[in-house]
C-alpha atoms as a PDB file:
ATOM      1  CA  MET A   1      15.722 -25.561 276.957  1.00  0.00           C
ATOM      2  CA  ALA A   2      14.624 -21.845 277.471  1.00  0.00           C
ATOM      3  CA  ASP A   3      10.990 -21.413 279.298  1.00  0.00           C
ATOM      4  CA  LEU A   4       8.868 -19.842 275.994  1.00  0.00           C
ATOM      5  CA  GLU A   5       6.158 -18.658 278.254  1.00  0.00           C
ATOM      6  CA  ALA A   6       6.884 -15.373 279.329  1.00  0.00           C
ATOM      7  CA  GLN A   7       6.789 -14.516 282.742  1.00  0.00           C
ATOM      8  CA  TYR A   8       6.359 -10.179 282.662  1.00  0.00           C
ATOM      9  CA  LEU A   9       3.909  -8.765 279.711  1.00  0.00           C
ATOM     10  CA  GLN A  10       4.214  -5.045 278.218  1.00  0.00           C
ATOM     11  CA  VAL A  11       0.641  -4.522 277.223  1.00  0.00           C
ATOM     12  CA  GLN A  12      -0.086  -1.185 274.974  1.00  0.00           C
ATOM     13  CA  THR A  13      -3.878   0.772 274.659  1.00  0.00           C
ATOM     14  CA  THR A  14      -4.154   3.585 272.843  1.00  0.00           C
ATOM     15  CA  THR A  15      -7.114   6.385 273.997  1.00  0.00           C
ATOM     16  CA  ASP A  16      -8.489   9.451 271.681  1.00  0.00           C
ATOM     17  CA  SER A  17      -6.664  12.295 274.566  1.00  0.00           C
ATOM     18  CA  ARG A  18      -4.080  12.622 277.033  1.00  0.00           C
ATOM     19  CA  ALA A  19      -6.492  12.827 280.265  1.00  0.00           C
ATOM     20  CA  GLU A  20      -8.099   9.298 279.315  1.00  0.00           C
ATOM     21  CA  ALA A  21      -4.678   7.844 279.011  1.00  0.00           C
ATOM     22  CA  MET A  22      -3.439   9.604 282.311  1.00  0.00           C
ATOM     23  CA  GLU A  23      -6.157   8.194 283.928  1.00  0.00           C
ATOM     24  CA  LEU A  24      -6.128   4.525 282.664  1.00  0.00           C
ATOM     25  CA  SER A  25      -2.498   4.456 283.432  1.00  0.00           C
ATOM     26  CA  ARG A  26      -2.939   6.025 286.935  1.00  0.00           C
ATOM     27  CA  ALA A  27      -5.932   3.503 287.716  1.00  0.00           C
ATOM     28  CA  ALA A  28      -4.015   0.553 286.584  1.00  0.00           C
ATOM     29  CA  VAL A  29      -1.053   1.455 288.326  1.00  0.00           C
ATOM     30  CA  GLU A  30      -3.121   2.121 291.806  1.00  0.00           C
ATOM     31  CA  SER A  31      -4.881  -0.800 291.192  1.00  0.00           C
ATOM     32  CA  ARG A  32      -1.967  -2.869 291.474  1.00  0.00           C
ATOM     33  CA  LEU A  33      -2.677  -4.390 287.700  1.00  0.00           C
ATOM     34  CA  ALA A  34       0.281  -3.090 286.023  1.00  0.00           C
ATOM     35  CA  ALA A  35       3.463  -2.071 288.261  1.00  0.00           C
ATOM     36  CA  CYS A  36       3.973   1.177 285.964  1.00  0.00           C
ATOM     37  CA  ALA A  37       2.521   2.585 282.845  1.00  0.00           C
ATOM     38  CA  GLN A  38       3.748   4.927 280.049  1.00  0.00           C
ATOM     39  CA  VAL A  39       2.087   7.731 278.517  1.00  0.00           C
ATOM     40  CA  ALA A  40       3.553   8.578 275.263  1.00  0.00           C
ATOM     41  CA  GLY A  41       1.952  10.902 272.327  1.00  0.00           C
ATOM     42  CA  PRO A  42       0.446  12.054 270.649  1.00  0.00           C
ATOM     43  CA  VAL A  43       0.697   9.382 267.806  1.00  0.00           C
ATOM     44  CA  ALA A  44      -0.685   9.262 263.785  1.00  0.00           C
ATOM     45  CA  SER A  45      -3.091   6.231 263.486  1.00  0.00           C
ATOM     46  CA  THR A  46      -4.475   4.519 260.800  1.00  0.00           C
ATOM     47  CA  TYR A  47      -6.893   2.090 260.742  1.00  0.00           C
ATOM     48  CA  TRP A  48      -9.903   0.613 259.403  1.00  0.00           C
ATOM     49  CA  TRP A  49     -13.329   1.032 261.408  1.00  0.00           C
ATOM     50  CA  ASP A  50     -16.690   0.610 259.704  1.00  0.00           C
ATOM     51  CA  GLY A  51     -15.673  -0.207 256.563  1.00  0.00           C
ATOM     52  CA  ALA A  52     -13.635   2.969 255.619  1.00  0.00           C
ATOM     53  CA  VAL A  53      -9.819   3.918 256.387  1.00  0.00           C
ATOM     54  CA  GLU A  54      -9.750   6.591 259.355  1.00  0.00           C
ATOM     55  CA  ARG A  55      -6.992   8.906 260.387  1.00  0.00           C
ATOM     56  CA  ALA A  56      -6.469   9.882 264.401  1.00  0.00           C
ATOM     57  CA  GLU A  57      -4.596  11.437 266.881  1.00  0.00           C
ATOM     58  CA  GLU A  58      -3.793   9.000 269.671  1.00  0.00           C
ATOM     59  CA  TRP A  59      -2.356   8.380 272.897  1.00  0.00           C
ATOM     60  CA  LEU A  60      -0.068   4.929 273.682  1.00  0.00           C
ATOM     61  CA  VAL A  61      -0.058   3.769 276.901  1.00  0.00           C
ATOM     62  CA  LEU A  62       2.096   1.347 277.435  1.00  0.00           C
ATOM     63  CA  LEU A  63       1.907  -0.866 281.010  1.00  0.00           C
ATOM     64  CA  LYS A  64       4.617  -3.461 282.579  1.00  0.00           C
ATOM     65  CA  LEU A  65       3.357  -6.784 284.503  1.00  0.00           C
ATOM     66  CA  PRO A  66       3.428  -9.968 285.182  1.00  0.00           C
ATOM     67  CA  ALA A  67       1.964 -12.155 282.976  1.00  0.00           C
ATOM     68  CA  ASP A  68      -0.486 -13.958 285.458  1.00  0.00           C
ATOM     69  CA  ARG A  69      -2.049 -10.445 285.969  1.00  0.00           C
ATOM     70  CA  TYR A  70      -2.807  -9.777 282.098  1.00  0.00           C
ATOM     71  CA  ASP A  71      -6.531 -10.702 282.489  1.00  0.00           C
ATOM     72  CA  GLU A  72      -7.697  -8.733 284.637  1.00  0.00           C
ATOM     73  CA  LEU A  73      -5.646  -6.218 283.267  1.00  0.00           C
ATOM     74  CA  ALA A  74      -7.420  -6.791 280.095  1.00  0.00           C
ATOM     75  CA  ALA A  75     -10.683  -6.819 282.052  1.00  0.00           C
ATOM     76  CA  PHE A  76      -9.888  -3.772 283.434  1.00  0.00           C
ATOM     77  CA  ILE A  77      -8.943  -1.483 280.112  1.00  0.00           C
ATOM     78  CA  THR A  78     -12.360  -3.143 278.194  1.00  0.00           C
ATOM     79  CA  GLU A  79     -14.425  -1.873 281.453  1.00  0.00           C
ATOM     80  CA  ARG A  80     -13.007   1.441 281.712  1.00  0.00           C
ATOM     81  CA  HIS A  81     -11.580   2.327 278.387  1.00  0.00           C
ATOM     82  CA  SER A  82     -14.067   4.934 275.998  1.00  0.00           C
ATOM     83  CA  TYR A  83     -13.984   3.005 272.627  1.00  0.00           C
ATOM     84  CA  ASP A  84     -15.861   0.265 271.774  1.00  0.00           C
ATOM     85  CA  GLU A  85     -13.194  -2.330 270.774  1.00  0.00           C
ATOM     86  CA  PRO A  86      -9.646  -0.873 272.273  1.00  0.00           C
ATOM     87  CA  GLU A  87      -6.649  -1.909 271.463  1.00  0.00           C
ATOM     88  CA  ILE A  88      -5.108  -4.273 273.934  1.00  0.00           C
ATOM     89  CA  ILE A  89      -2.386  -6.037 273.151  1.00  0.00           C
ATOM     90  CA  ALA A  90       0.462  -8.110 275.034  1.00  0.00           C
ATOM     91  CA  LEU A  91       3.934  -8.128 274.016  1.00  0.00           C
ATOM     92  CA  PRO A  92       6.157 -10.366 276.130  1.00  0.00           C
ATOM     93  CA  ILE A  93       9.608  -9.027 278.022  1.00  0.00           C
ATOM     94  CA  ALA A  94      12.262 -11.941 276.776  1.00  0.00           C
ATOM     95  CA  ALA A  95      14.306 -10.684 279.404  1.00  0.00           C
ATOM     96  CA  GLY A  96      15.338  -7.694 282.087  1.00  0.00           C
ATOM     97  CA  SER A  97      17.604  -7.289 284.916  1.00  0.00           C
ATOM     98  CA  THR A  98      16.395  -8.978 287.944  1.00  0.00           C
ATOM     99  CA  ALA A  99      15.988  -6.424 290.296  1.00  0.00           C
ATOM    100  CA  TYR A 100      13.346  -4.715 287.867  1.00  0.00           C
ATOM    101  CA  LEU A 101      11.296  -7.689 287.141  1.00  0.00           C
ATOM    102  CA  ASN A 102      11.382  -8.720 290.797  1.00  0.00           C
ATOM    103  CA  TRP A 103      10.531  -4.756 291.497  1.00  0.00           C
ATOM    104  CA  MET A 104       7.289  -5.073 289.120  1.00  0.00           C
ATOM    105  CA  ARG A 105       6.296  -8.827 290.903  1.00  0.00           C
ATOM    106  CA  GLU A 106       6.480  -7.428 294.107  1.00  0.00           C
ATOM    107  CA  GLU A 107       4.200  -4.063 293.409  1.00  0.00           C
ATOM    108  CA  THR A 108       1.393  -6.035 291.541  1.00  0.00           C
ATOM    109  CA  ARG A 109       0.550  -8.252 294.464  1.00  0.00           C
ATOM    110  CA  PRO A 110      -2.551  -8.195 294.838  1.00  0.00           C
ATOM    111  CA  ALA A 111      -2.941  -6.149 298.426  1.00  0.00           C
ATOM    112  CA  ASP A 112      -2.804  -8.134 301.906  1.00  0.00           C
ATOM    113  CA  PRO A 113      -5.044  -6.523 304.597  1.00  0.00           C
ATOM    114  CA  ALA A 114      -2.881  -7.585 307.501  1.00  0.00           C
ATOM    115  CA  GLN A 115       0.031  -5.368 305.697  1.00  0.00           C
ATOM    116  CA  GLY A 116      -2.065  -1.938 305.998  1.00  0.00           C
ATOM    117  CA  ALA A 117      -3.434   0.563 304.023  1.00  0.00           C
ATOM    118  CA  LEU A 118      -0.908   0.106 301.300  1.00  0.00           C
ATOM    119  CA  GLY A 119      -0.802  -3.525 301.471  1.00  0.00           C
ATOM    120  CA  ARG A 120       2.887  -3.074 301.000  1.00  0.00           C
ATOM    121  CA  PRO A 121       5.589  -3.489 304.147  1.00  0.00           C
ATOM    122  CA  ALA A 122       8.800  -0.944 303.693  1.00  0.00           C
ATOM    123  CA  GLY A 123      11.994  -2.796 302.180  1.00  0.00           C
ATOM    124  CA  PRO A 124      13.910  -3.385 299.063  1.00  0.00           C
ATOM    125  CA  GLY A 125      10.972  -2.449 296.535  1.00  0.00           C
ATOM    126  CA  ALA A 126      10.495   1.163 298.412  1.00  0.00           C
ATOM    127  CA  THR A 127      14.307   1.870 297.565  1.00  0.00           C
ATOM    128  CA  LEU A 128      13.477   1.094 293.822  1.00  0.00           C
ATOM    129  CA  ARG A 129      10.706   3.424 294.011  1.00  0.00           C
ATOM    130  CA  ALA A 130      13.048   6.342 294.832  1.00  0.00           C
ATOM    131  CA  THR A 131      14.956   5.664 292.235  1.00  0.00           C
ATOM    132  CA  ARG A 132      14.182   7.825 289.019  1.00  0.00           C
ATOM    133  CA  SER A 133      14.204   5.310 286.367  1.00  0.00           C
ATOM    134  CA  ARG A 134      11.275   2.680 286.612  1.00  0.00           C
ATOM    135  CA  THR A 135       9.538   2.554 283.400  1.00  0.00           C
END
């Protein structure tokens, strides 16, 4: 029987500006809470807010990470996001290439101070980072 608990997630949120989306993405990846992030948009959003239907142009942020980093990433987004109630949705990654999933795990490990300023030794991950299509 297959393991039903996802080991990897794609988390999404939206922002009201490209600048905020890019900054959230950069900060999450730099903090090793996500291995990579993508920003897409603008997207047209329709939603209920304060008892009325609203429409807005938003930017979609997609973040990929091991499931065990979700709680930290959700808290990070909540703290830094400009919305009162930001969208934070996690979708399971059911399958992926072994190399890519290993890369995601490696790039989101908390930094080990004994390993230097970047907290990562050079190795297979460095080769993977050199390829263009990581996200």
